[in-house]
């Protein structure tokens, strides 16, 4: 095998890992794929001789690509629209093999929202070091800063993330709470909703451009319960799903996906609900049935 073929094989060996890095950096599955492809274009002509840790080297290359993408994204953002990152969805616990690495050990969608609020440099320092164990010396080279500066960036990001509630580790318990949420919504049982919603619960809905009026952020159990009761008609179309590794739901009629909903359940209470209702982005998501077939577009 020639040098190019060897490098190609090694890159493919690490592609799933690199896609996971890019997803956590960008919160977008399609952008993650673009970042991995861009990383390949950057390394395919290089001499890999002397590289002791191929995965670590490729991780920093992808990190640098994602950093540039995040900086460009911020430069051209002109609106304060509500944004929910792309969810990683599995119906009945089934994922496409290409999504496996994203579903395994997924960062919860609520945490991805917090990561979106970080500066590009803070996000890179936190994700590469705290999630993937990249040394600060390597991160400093990507950022073109001192190692101490990279550590400070990660520390600032860590303080933002530290306040995030830890999801209950028992998936069955999570599912019971989420099922109770939809049952109470179906029945219009306001008191039952208040019982399972944390007093400080946050609801975030991203409707995109086509459903812009649906986009909102609500805080507090009363406000969220009042709003949720308006969607009781959705109950027959709710399908249990794993969303970023936690109990969630896909709202779909036939082959048409209306919404993907992620829940953070802590101590038996719902503390975050993140719902993606953007038809354009839902159309691009791979959402799989238990028989392995893909659901159709919205």
C-alpha atoms as a PDB file:
ATOM      1  CA  UNK A   1       0.000   0.000   0.000  1.00  0.00           C
ATOM      2  CA  UNK A   2       1.390   3.414  -0.924  1.00  0.00           C
ATOM      3  CA  UNK A   3       1.610   6.304   1.510  1.00  0.00           C
ATOM      4  CA  UNK A   4      -1.638   7.911   0.336  1.00  0.00           C
ATOM      5  CA  UNK A   5      -3.523   4.648   0.626  1.00  0.00           C
ATOM      6  CA  UNK A   6      -2.117   4.093   4.101  1.00  0.00           C
ATOM      7  CA  UNK A   7      -3.215   7.547   5.238  1.00  0.00           C
ATOM      8  CA  UNK A   8      -6.665   7.050   3.710  1.00  0.00           C
ATOM      9  CA  UNK A   9      -7.096   3.784   5.596  1.00  0.00           C
ATOM     10  CA  UNK A  10      -6.017   5.341   8.885  1.00  0.00           C
ATOM     11  CA  UNK A  11      -8.339   8.312   8.400  1.00  0.00           C
ATOM     12  CA  UNK A  12     -11.293   6.014   7.731  1.00  0.00           C
ATOM     13  CA  UNK A  13     -10.366   4.058  10.834  1.00  0.00           C
ATOM     14  CA  UNK A  14     -10.854   7.220  12.909  1.00  0.00           C
ATOM     15  CA  UNK A  15     -13.735   8.785  10.940  1.00  0.00           C
ATOM     16  CA  UNK A  16     -16.438   7.886  13.481  1.00  0.00           C
ATOM     17  CA  UNK A  17     -14.417   9.380  16.326  1.00  0.00           C
ATOM     18  CA  UNK A  18     -13.734  12.532  14.318  1.00  0.00           C
ATOM     19  CA  UNK A  19     -17.419  12.872  13.483  1.00  0.00           C
ATOM     20  CA  UNK A  20     -18.199  12.663  17.187  1.00  0.00           C
ATOM     21  CA  UNK A  21     -15.685  15.421  17.926  1.00  0.00           C
ATOM     22  CA  UNK A  22     -17.135  17.635  15.194  1.00  0.00           C
ATOM     23  CA  UNK A  23     -20.737  17.047  16.320  1.00  0.00           C
ATOM     24  CA  UNK A  24     -19.946  18.091  19.881  1.00  0.00           C
ATOM     25  CA  UNK A  25     -18.085  21.146  18.602  1.00  0.00           C
ATOM     26  CA  UNK A  26     -20.759  22.247  16.140  1.00  0.00           C
ATOM     27  CA  UNK A  27     -24.064  20.769  17.355  1.00  0.00           C
ATOM     28  CA  UNK A  28     -24.940  20.003  13.748  1.00  0.00           C
ATOM     29  CA  UNK A  29     -24.765  16.601  12.077  1.00  0.00           C
ATOM     30  CA  UNK A  30     -24.489  17.978   8.544  1.00  0.00           C
ATOM     31  CA  UNK A  31     -21.844  20.518   9.541  1.00  0.00           C
ATOM     32  CA  UNK A  32     -19.968  17.773  11.391  1.00  0.00           C
ATOM     33  CA  UNK A  33     -19.819  15.762   8.161  1.00  0.00           C
ATOM     34  CA  UNK A  34     -18.584  18.861   6.315  1.00  0.00           C
ATOM     35  CA  UNK A  35     -15.897  19.429   8.957  1.00  0.00           C
ATOM     36  CA  UNK A  36     -14.624  15.862   8.702  1.00  0.00           C
ATOM     37  CA  UNK A  37     -14.446  16.136   4.915  1.00  0.00           C
ATOM     38  CA  UNK A  38     -12.584  19.445   5.177  1.00  0.00           C
ATOM     39  CA  UNK A  39     -10.168  17.850   7.625  1.00  0.00           C
ATOM     40  CA  UNK A  40      -9.468  15.075   5.138  1.00  0.00           C
ATOM     41  CA  UNK A  41      -8.722  17.605   2.404  1.00  0.00           C
ATOM     42  CA  UNK A  42      -6.217  19.268   4.741  1.00  0.00           C
ATOM     43  CA  UNK A  43      -4.346  16.101   5.663  1.00  0.00           C
ATOM     44  CA  UNK A  44      -4.540  13.991   2.495  1.00  0.00           C
ATOM     45  CA  UNK A  45      -1.466  15.607   0.964  1.00  0.00           C
ATOM     46  CA  UNK A  46       0.649  15.627   4.116  1.00  0.00           C
ATOM     47  CA  UNK A  47       3.444  13.298   5.097  1.00  0.00           C
ATOM     48  CA  UNK A  48       2.225  11.225   8.061  1.00  0.00           C
ATOM     49  CA  UNK A  49       5.701   9.992   8.932  1.00  0.00           C
ATOM     50  CA  UNK A  50       6.674  10.816  12.490  1.00  0.00           C
ATOM     51  CA  UNK A  51       3.100  11.115  13.770  1.00  0.00           C
ATOM     52  CA  UNK A  52       3.034   8.974  16.899  1.00  0.00           C
ATOM     53  CA  UNK A  53      -0.667   9.286  17.749  1.00  0.00           C
ATOM     54  CA  UNK A  54      -2.776   9.434  14.595  1.00  0.00           C
ATOM     55  CA  UNK A  55      -6.105   9.888  16.382  1.00  0.00           C
ATOM     56  CA  UNK A  56      -4.819  12.768  18.511  1.00  0.00           C
ATOM     57  CA  UNK A  57      -3.348  14.487  15.449  1.00  0.00           C
ATOM     58  CA  UNK A  58      -6.535  14.115  13.428  1.00  0.00           C
ATOM     59  CA  UNK A  59      -8.609  15.301  16.398  1.00  0.00           C
ATOM     60  CA  UNK A  60      -6.686  18.564  16.527  1.00  0.00           C
ATOM     61  CA  UNK A  61      -7.055  19.009  12.759  1.00  0.00           C
ATOM     62  CA  UNK A  62     -10.831  18.569  13.021  1.00  0.00           C
ATOM     63  CA  UNK A  63     -10.842  20.870  16.039  1.00  0.00           C
ATOM     64  CA  UNK A  64      -9.134  23.610  14.031  1.00  0.00           C
ATOM     65  CA  UNK A  65     -11.637  23.211  11.177  1.00  0.00           C
ATOM     66  CA  UNK A  66     -14.561  23.402  13.633  1.00  0.00           C
ATOM     67  CA  UNK A  67     -13.068  26.461  15.320  1.00  0.00           C
ATOM     68  CA  UNK A  68     -13.002  28.288  11.983  1.00  0.00           C
ATOM     69  CA  UNK A  69     -16.566  27.194  11.247  1.00  0.00           C
ATOM     70  CA  UNK A  70     -17.771  28.442  14.641  1.00  0.00           C
ATOM     71  CA  UNK A  71     -16.050  31.787  14.134  1.00  0.00           C
ATOM     72  CA  UNK A  72     -17.636  32.192  10.691  1.00  0.00           C
ATOM     73  CA  UNK A  73     -21.020  31.185  12.082  1.00  0.00           C
ATOM     74  CA  UNK A  74     -20.861  33.884  14.747  1.00  0.00           C
ATOM     75  CA  UNK A  75     -19.676  36.474  12.250  1.00  0.00           C
ATOM     76  CA  UNK A  76     -22.713  35.965  10.037  1.00  0.00           C
ATOM     77  CA  UNK A  77     -25.352  35.387  12.721  1.00  0.00           C
ATOM     78  CA  UNK A  78     -27.727  38.353  12.549  1.00  0.00           C
ATOM     79  CA  UNK A  79     -30.756  37.129  14.494  1.00  0.00           C
ATOM     80  CA  UNK A  80     -31.469  36.005  18.034  1.00  0.00           C
ATOM     81  CA  UNK A  81     -33.644  33.094  16.962  1.00  0.00           C
ATOM     82  CA  UNK A  82     -34.101  30.195  19.348  1.00  0.00           C
ATOM     83  CA  UNK A  83     -31.732  27.420  18.354  1.00  0.00           C
ATOM     84  CA  UNK A  84     -31.893  23.750  19.300  1.00  0.00           C
ATOM     85  CA  UNK A  85     -28.870  21.716  18.142  1.00  0.00           C
ATOM     86  CA  UNK A  86     -29.370  18.703  15.881  1.00  0.00           C
ATOM     87  CA  UNK A  87     -30.593  15.743  17.950  1.00  0.00           C
ATOM     88  CA  UNK A  88     -29.214  12.234  17.550  1.00  0.00           C
ATOM     89  CA  UNK A  89     -32.335  10.077  17.346  1.00  0.00           C
ATOM     90  CA  UNK A  90     -32.994   6.356  17.647  1.00  0.00           C
ATOM     91  CA  UNK A  91     -36.491   4.859  17.527  1.00  0.00           C
ATOM     92  CA  UNK A  92     -36.784   1.715  19.664  1.00  0.00           C
ATOM     93  CA  UNK A  93     -33.068   1.946  20.371  1.00  0.00           C
ATOM     94  CA  UNK A  94     -32.087   1.468  16.714  1.00  0.00           C
ATOM     95  CA  UNK A  95     -29.625   3.801  14.998  1.00  0.00           C
ATOM     96  CA  UNK A  96     -28.037   3.860  11.619  1.00  0.00           C
ATOM     97  CA  UNK A  97     -24.481   2.541  11.905  1.00  0.00           C
ATOM     98  CA  UNK A  98     -23.231   5.995  10.914  1.00  0.00           C
ATOM     99  CA  UNK A  99     -24.965   7.478  13.969  1.00  0.00           C
ATOM    100  CA  UNK A 100     -23.713   4.895  16.476  1.00  0.00           C
ATOM    101  CA  UNK A 101     -20.747   6.914  17.671  1.00  0.00           C
ATOM    102  CA  UNK A 102     -22.956   9.959  18.162  1.00  0.00           C
ATOM    103  CA  UNK A 103     -25.600   8.013  20.071  1.00  0.00           C
ATOM    104  CA  UNK A 104     -23.032   6.338  22.309  1.00  0.00           C
ATOM    105  CA  UNK A 105     -22.019   8.571  25.205  1.00  0.00           C
ATOM    106  CA  UNK A 106     -23.944  11.434  23.621  1.00  0.00           C
ATOM    107  CA  UNK A 107     -23.807  14.903  25.081  1.00  0.00           C
ATOM    108  CA  UNK A 108     -27.373  15.708  26.122  1.00  0.00           C
ATOM    109  CA  UNK A 109     -29.210  18.197  23.959  1.00  0.00           C
ATOM    110  CA  UNK A 110     -29.624  20.625  26.870  1.00  0.00           C
ATOM    111  CA  UNK A 111     -25.855  20.594  27.358  1.00  0.00           C
ATOM    112  CA  UNK A 112     -25.359  21.182  23.619  1.00  0.00           C
ATOM    113  CA  UNK A 113     -27.495  24.335  24.044  1.00  0.00           C
ATOM    114  CA  UNK A 114     -25.096  25.533  26.747  1.00  0.00           C
ATOM    115  CA  UNK A 115     -22.104  24.730  24.539  1.00  0.00           C
ATOM    116  CA  UNK A 116     -23.685  26.893  21.831  1.00  0.00           C
ATOM    117  CA  UNK A 117     -23.521  29.854  24.223  1.00  0.00           C
ATOM    118  CA  UNK A 118     -19.750  29.574  24.668  1.00  0.00           C
ATOM    119  CA  UNK A 119     -17.243  31.466  22.584  1.00  0.00           C
ATOM    120  CA  UNK A 120     -15.600  29.370  19.850  1.00  0.00           C
ATOM    121  CA  UNK A 121     -12.310  29.253  21.781  1.00  0.00           C
ATOM    122  CA  UNK A 122     -14.015  28.259  25.050  1.00  0.00           C
ATOM    123  CA  UNK A 123     -15.961  25.553  23.300  1.00  0.00           C
ATOM    124  CA  UNK A 124     -12.899  24.097  21.641  1.00  0.00           C
ATOM    125  CA  UNK A 125     -10.889  24.092  24.871  1.00  0.00           C
ATOM    126  CA  UNK A 126     -13.699  22.439  26.824  1.00  0.00           C
ATOM    127  CA  UNK A 127     -14.724  19.856  24.240  1.00  0.00           C
ATOM    128  CA  UNK A 128     -11.214  18.795  23.252  1.00  0.00           C
ATOM    129  CA  UNK A 129      -9.874  18.635  26.801  1.00  0.00           C
ATOM    130  CA  UNK A 130     -12.806  17.700  29.035  1.00  0.00           C
ATOM    131  CA  UNK A 131     -14.653  15.425  26.604  1.00  0.00           C
ATOM    132  CA  UNK A 132     -11.832  13.957  24.505  1.00  0.00           C
ATOM    133  CA  UNK A 133      -8.786  14.335  26.734  1.00  0.00           C
ATOM    134  CA  UNK A 134      -6.598  16.358  24.367  1.00  0.00           C
ATOM    135  CA  UNK A 135      -3.677  17.908  26.315  1.00  0.00           C
ATOM    136  CA  UNK A 136      -3.753  21.675  26.803  1.00  0.00           C
ATOM    137  CA  UNK A 137      -0.412  21.981  25.017  1.00  0.00           C
ATOM    138  CA  UNK A 138      -2.050  20.696  21.812  1.00  0.00           C
ATOM    139  CA  UNK A 139      -5.122  22.884  22.315  1.00  0.00           C
ATOM    140  CA  UNK A 140      -2.898  25.929  22.786  1.00  0.00           C
ATOM    141  CA  UNK A 141      -1.302  25.262  19.399  1.00  0.00           C
ATOM    142  CA  UNK A 142      -4.723  25.072  17.724  1.00  0.00           C
ATOM    143  CA  UNK A 143      -5.779  28.352  19.349  1.00  0.00           C
ATOM    144  CA  UNK A 144      -2.373  30.015  18.850  1.00  0.00           C
ATOM    145  CA  UNK A 145      -2.376  30.923  22.539  1.00  0.00           C
ATOM    146  CA  UNK A 146      -0.388  29.996  25.617  1.00  0.00           C
ATOM    147  CA  UNK A 147      -1.117  26.777  27.472  1.00  0.00           C
ATOM    148  CA  UNK A 148      -2.224  28.804  30.513  1.00  0.00           C
ATOM    149  CA  UNK A 149      -4.687  30.716  28.327  1.00  0.00           C
ATOM    150  CA  UNK A 150      -6.135  27.446  26.988  1.00  0.00           C
ATOM    151  CA  UNK A 151      -6.587  26.217  30.558  1.00  0.00           C
ATOM    152  CA  UNK A 152      -8.396  29.428  31.494  1.00  0.00           C
ATOM    153  CA  UNK A 153     -10.753  29.074  28.535  1.00  0.00           C
ATOM    154  CA  UNK A 154     -11.644  25.532  29.552  1.00  0.00           C
ATOM    155  CA  UNK A 155     -12.120  26.643  33.149  1.00  0.00           C
ATOM    156  CA  UNK A 156     -14.551  29.390  32.120  1.00  0.00           C
ATOM    157  CA  UNK A 157     -16.500  26.931  29.992  1.00  0.00           C
ATOM    158  CA  UNK A 158     -16.507  24.395  32.829  1.00  0.00           C
ATOM    159  CA  UNK A 159     -18.112  26.922  35.183  1.00  0.00           C
ATOM    160  CA  UNK A 160     -20.921  27.449  32.661  1.00  0.00           C
ATOM    161  CA  UNK A 161     -21.446  23.718  32.251  1.00  0.00           C
ATOM    162  CA  UNK A 162     -21.162  22.913  35.961  1.00  0.00           C
ATOM    163  CA  UNK A 163     -24.657  24.213  36.698  1.00  0.00           C
ATOM    164  CA  UNK A 164     -26.258  21.755  34.292  1.00  0.00           C
ATOM    165  CA  UNK A 165     -28.388  19.141  36.089  1.00  0.00           C
ATOM    166  CA  UNK A 166     -27.246  15.521  35.808  1.00  0.00           C
ATOM    167  CA  UNK A 167     -29.820  13.296  34.057  1.00  0.00           C
ATOM    168  CA  UNK A 168     -31.120  10.334  36.037  1.00  0.00           C
ATOM    169  CA  UNK A 169     -28.963   7.326  35.081  1.00  0.00           C
ATOM    170  CA  UNK A 170     -31.968   4.962  34.930  1.00  0.00           C
ATOM    171  CA  UNK A 171     -33.380   5.092  31.394  1.00  0.00           C
ATOM    172  CA  UNK A 172     -36.522   3.211  32.455  1.00  0.00           C
ATOM    173  CA  UNK A 173     -37.208   5.839  35.102  1.00  0.00           C
ATOM    174  CA  UNK A 174     -36.633   8.588  32.551  1.00  0.00           C
ATOM    175  CA  UNK A 175     -39.115   6.883  30.220  1.00  0.00           C
ATOM    176  CA  UNK A 176     -41.755   6.648  32.947  1.00  0.00           C
ATOM    177  CA  UNK A 177     -41.516  10.384  33.578  1.00  0.00           C
ATOM    178  CA  UNK A 178     -41.633  11.276  29.864  1.00  0.00           C
ATOM    179  CA  UNK A 179     -44.636   8.961  29.321  1.00  0.00           C
ATOM    180  CA  UNK A 180     -46.380  10.582  32.278  1.00  0.00           C
ATOM    181  CA  UNK A 181     -45.708  13.993  30.732  1.00  0.00           C
ATOM    182  CA  UNK A 182     -47.448  13.065  27.486  1.00  0.00           C
ATOM    183  CA  UNK A 183     -50.323  11.326  29.304  1.00  0.00           C
ATOM    184  CA  UNK A 184     -50.953  14.419  31.417  1.00  0.00           C
ATOM    185  CA  UNK A 185     -50.766  16.591  28.287  1.00  0.00           C
ATOM    186  CA  UNK A 186     -53.274  14.328  26.517  1.00  0.00           C
ATOM    187  CA  UNK A 187     -55.690  14.535  29.447  1.00  0.00           C
ATOM    188  CA  UNK A 188     -55.207  18.255  29.978  1.00  0.00           C
ATOM    189  CA  UNK A 189     -54.245  17.450  33.575  1.00  0.00           C
ATOM    190  CA  UNK A 190     -52.514  20.637  34.671  1.00  0.00           C
ATOM    191  CA  UNK A 191     -51.855  19.406  38.207  1.00  0.00           C
ATOM    192  CA  UNK A 192     -50.292  16.166  36.967  1.00  0.00           C
ATOM    193  CA  UNK A 193     -47.990  18.187  34.712  1.00  0.00           C
ATOM    194  CA  UNK A 194     -46.899  20.328  37.640  1.00  0.00           C
ATOM    195  CA  UNK A 195     -46.081  17.147  39.573  1.00  0.00           C
ATOM    196  CA  UNK A 196     -43.504  15.989  37.027  1.00  0.00           C
ATOM    197  CA  UNK A 197     -42.102  19.382  35.982  1.00  0.00           C
ATOM    198  CA  UNK A 198     -39.286  20.911  37.991  1.00  0.00           C
ATOM    199  CA  UNK A 199     -40.313  24.367  39.303  1.00  0.00           C
ATOM    200  CA  UNK A 200     -37.486  25.905  37.213  1.00  0.00           C
ATOM    201  CA  UNK A 201     -38.090  23.789  34.081  1.00  0.00           C
ATOM    202  CA  UNK A 202     -37.103  25.334  30.739  1.00  0.00           C
ATOM    203  CA  UNK A 203     -38.860  24.649  27.442  1.00  0.00           C
ATOM    204  CA  UNK A 204     -37.016  25.557  24.242  1.00  0.00           C
ATOM    205  CA  UNK A 205     -38.654  25.162  20.821  1.00  0.00           C
ATOM    206  CA  UNK A 206     -36.868  25.784  17.526  1.00  0.00           C
ATOM    207  CA  UNK A 207     -39.291  26.143  14.632  1.00  0.00           C
ATOM    208  CA  UNK A 208     -36.763  27.394  12.110  1.00  0.00           C
ATOM    209  CA  UNK A 209     -37.754  29.782   9.350  1.00  0.00           C
ATOM    210  CA  UNK A 210     -40.882  27.929   8.227  1.00  0.00           C
ATOM    211  CA  UNK A 211     -42.309  27.617  11.752  1.00  0.00           C
ATOM    212  CA  UNK A 212     -40.818  30.762  13.197  1.00  0.00           C
ATOM    213  CA  UNK A 213     -43.928  31.563  15.232  1.00  0.00           C
ATOM    214  CA  UNK A 214     -43.496  28.284  17.092  1.00  0.00           C
ATOM    215  CA  UNK A 215     -40.042  29.226  18.355  1.00  0.00           C
ATOM    216  CA  UNK A 216     -39.961  30.192  21.997  1.00  0.00           C
ATOM    217  CA  UNK A 217     -38.263  29.808  25.357  1.00  0.00           C
ATOM    218  CA  UNK A 218     -40.403  29.384  28.472  1.00  0.00           C
ATOM    219  CA  UNK A 219     -39.257  29.029  32.058  1.00  0.00           C
ATOM    220  CA  UNK A 220     -41.138  27.833  35.100  1.00  0.00           C
ATOM    221  CA  UNK A 221     -43.527  24.930  35.643  1.00  0.00           C
ATOM    222  CA  UNK A 222     -46.727  27.011  35.344  1.00  0.00           C
ATOM    223  CA  UNK A 223     -45.727  28.546  32.001  1.00  0.00           C
ATOM    224  CA  UNK A 224     -44.492  25.254  30.534  1.00  0.00           C
ATOM    225  CA  UNK A 225     -47.541  23.292  31.733  1.00  0.00           C
ATOM    226  CA  UNK A 226     -49.912  25.892  30.302  1.00  0.00           C
ATOM    227  CA  UNK A 227     -48.185  25.816  26.926  1.00  0.00           C
ATOM    228  CA  UNK A 228     -47.851  22.042  26.797  1.00  0.00           C
ATOM    229  CA  UNK A 229     -51.561  21.504  27.324  1.00  0.00           C
ATOM    230  CA  UNK A 230     -52.183  23.094  23.922  1.00  0.00           C
ATOM    231  CA  UNK A 231     -50.495  20.118  22.230  1.00  0.00           C
ATOM    232  CA  UNK A 232     -52.733  17.388  23.639  1.00  0.00           C
ATOM    233  CA  UNK A 233     -53.813  16.521  20.085  1.00  0.00           C
ATOM    234  CA  UNK A 234     -50.267  15.298  19.421  1.00  0.00           C
ATOM    235  CA  UNK A 235     -50.561  12.365  21.823  1.00  0.00           C
ATOM    236  CA  UNK A 236     -51.600   9.700  19.262  1.00  0.00           C
ATOM    237  CA  UNK A 237     -48.525  10.537  17.167  1.00  0.00           C
ATOM    238  CA  UNK A 238     -45.881  10.385  19.921  1.00  0.00           C
ATOM    239  CA  UNK A 239     -43.294   7.655  19.397  1.00  0.00           C
ATOM    240  CA  UNK A 240     -40.782   6.835  22.156  1.00  0.00           C
ATOM    241  CA  UNK A 241     -37.194   7.426  21.117  1.00  0.00           C
ATOM    242  CA  UNK A 242     -33.707   7.809  22.445  1.00  0.00           C
ATOM    243  CA  UNK A 243     -32.601  11.383  21.853  1.00  0.00           C
ATOM    244  CA  UNK A 244     -28.914  11.983  22.517  1.00  0.00           C
ATOM    245  CA  UNK A 245     -28.880   8.891  24.680  1.00  0.00           C
ATOM    246  CA  UNK A 246     -31.819   9.906  26.891  1.00  0.00           C
ATOM    247  CA  UNK A 247     -35.564   9.224  26.903  1.00  0.00           C
ATOM    248  CA  UNK A 248     -37.241  11.422  24.321  1.00  0.00           C
ATOM    249  CA  UNK A 249     -39.904  11.334  21.647  1.00  0.00           C
ATOM    250  CA  UNK A 250     -40.530  11.741  17.947  1.00  0.00           C
ATOM    251  CA  UNK A 251     -43.886  13.227  17.010  1.00  0.00           C
ATOM    252  CA  UNK A 252     -44.779  11.808  13.604  1.00  0.00           C
ATOM    253  CA  UNK A 253     -47.797  11.033  11.461  1.00  0.00           C
ATOM    254  CA  UNK A 254     -47.038   8.170   9.105  1.00  0.00           C
ATOM    255  CA  UNK A 255     -43.743   9.067   7.460  1.00  0.00           C
ATOM    256  CA  UNK A 256     -43.954  12.756   8.385  1.00  0.00           C
ATOM    257  CA  UNK A 257     -41.881  13.947  11.363  1.00  0.00           C
ATOM    258  CA  UNK A 258     -43.381  16.977  13.105  1.00  0.00           C
ATOM    259  CA  UNK A 259     -41.024  17.304  16.041  1.00  0.00           C
ATOM    260  CA  UNK A 260     -38.172  15.683  17.939  1.00  0.00           C
ATOM    261  CA  UNK A 261     -38.317  16.281  21.681  1.00  0.00           C
ATOM    262  CA  UNK A 262     -35.435  15.808  24.112  1.00  0.00           C
ATOM    263  CA  UNK A 263     -36.017  15.647  27.870  1.00  0.00           C
ATOM    264  CA  UNK A 264     -33.627  16.036  30.774  1.00  0.00           C
ATOM    265  CA  UNK A 265     -35.041  14.166  33.774  1.00  0.00           C
ATOM    266  CA  UNK A 266     -33.349  14.754  37.122  1.00  0.00           C
ATOM    267  CA  UNK A 267     -34.538  13.278  40.423  1.00  0.00           C
ATOM    268  CA  UNK A 268     -37.764  12.208  38.766  1.00  0.00           C
ATOM    269  CA  UNK A 269     -38.552  15.718  37.478  1.00  0.00           C
ATOM    270  CA  UNK A 270     -38.285  17.218  33.988  1.00  0.00           C
ATOM    271  CA  UNK A 271     -35.805  20.097  34.101  1.00  0.00           C
ATOM    272  CA  UNK A 272     -35.309  20.720  30.367  1.00  0.00           C
ATOM    273  CA  UNK A 273     -37.381  20.118  27.245  1.00  0.00           C
ATOM    274  CA  UNK A 274     -35.727  20.872  23.901  1.00  0.00           C
ATOM    275  CA  UNK A 275     -37.899  20.485  20.821  1.00  0.00           C
ATOM    276  CA  UNK A 276     -36.824  20.742  17.184  1.00  0.00           C
ATOM    277  CA  UNK A 277     -39.745  21.623  14.886  1.00  0.00           C
ATOM    278  CA  UNK A 278     -37.801  23.084  11.963  1.00  0.00           C
ATOM    279  CA  UNK A 279     -39.063  21.195   8.865  1.00  0.00           C
ATOM    280  CA  UNK A 280     -35.866  21.860   6.901  1.00  0.00           C
ATOM    281  CA  UNK A 281     -33.609  20.366   9.544  1.00  0.00           C
ATOM    282  CA  UNK A 282     -35.969  17.509  10.413  1.00  0.00           C
ATOM    283  CA  UNK A 283     -35.897  16.569   6.742  1.00  0.00           C
ATOM    284  CA  UNK A 284     -32.124  16.093   6.934  1.00  0.00           C
ATOM    285  CA  UNK A 285     -32.117  13.954  10.065  1.00  0.00           C
ATOM    286  CA  UNK A 286     -31.819  10.187   9.812  1.00  0.00           C
ATOM    287  CA  UNK A 287     -34.602   8.843  12.071  1.00  0.00           C
ATOM    288  CA  UNK A 288     -34.862   5.078  12.098  1.00  0.00           C
ATOM    289  CA  UNK A 289     -37.649   2.623  12.864  1.00  0.00           C
ATOM    290  CA  UNK A 290     -37.149  -0.595  14.783  1.00  0.00           C
ATOM    291  CA  UNK A 291     -36.951  -2.503  11.500  1.00  0.00           C
ATOM    292  CA  UNK A 292     -34.000  -0.361  10.434  1.00  0.00           C
ATOM    293  CA  UNK A 293     -35.891   1.588   7.761  1.00  0.00           C
ATOM    294  CA  UNK A 294     -35.671   5.349   7.651  1.00  0.00           C
ATOM    295  CA  UNK A 295     -38.700   7.547   8.268  1.00  0.00           C
ATOM    296  CA  UNK A 296     -39.642   9.842   5.430  1.00  0.00           C
ATOM    297  CA  UNK A 297     -39.246  13.633   5.266  1.00  0.00           C
ATOM    298  CA  UNK A 298     -41.589  16.111   6.874  1.00  0.00           C
END
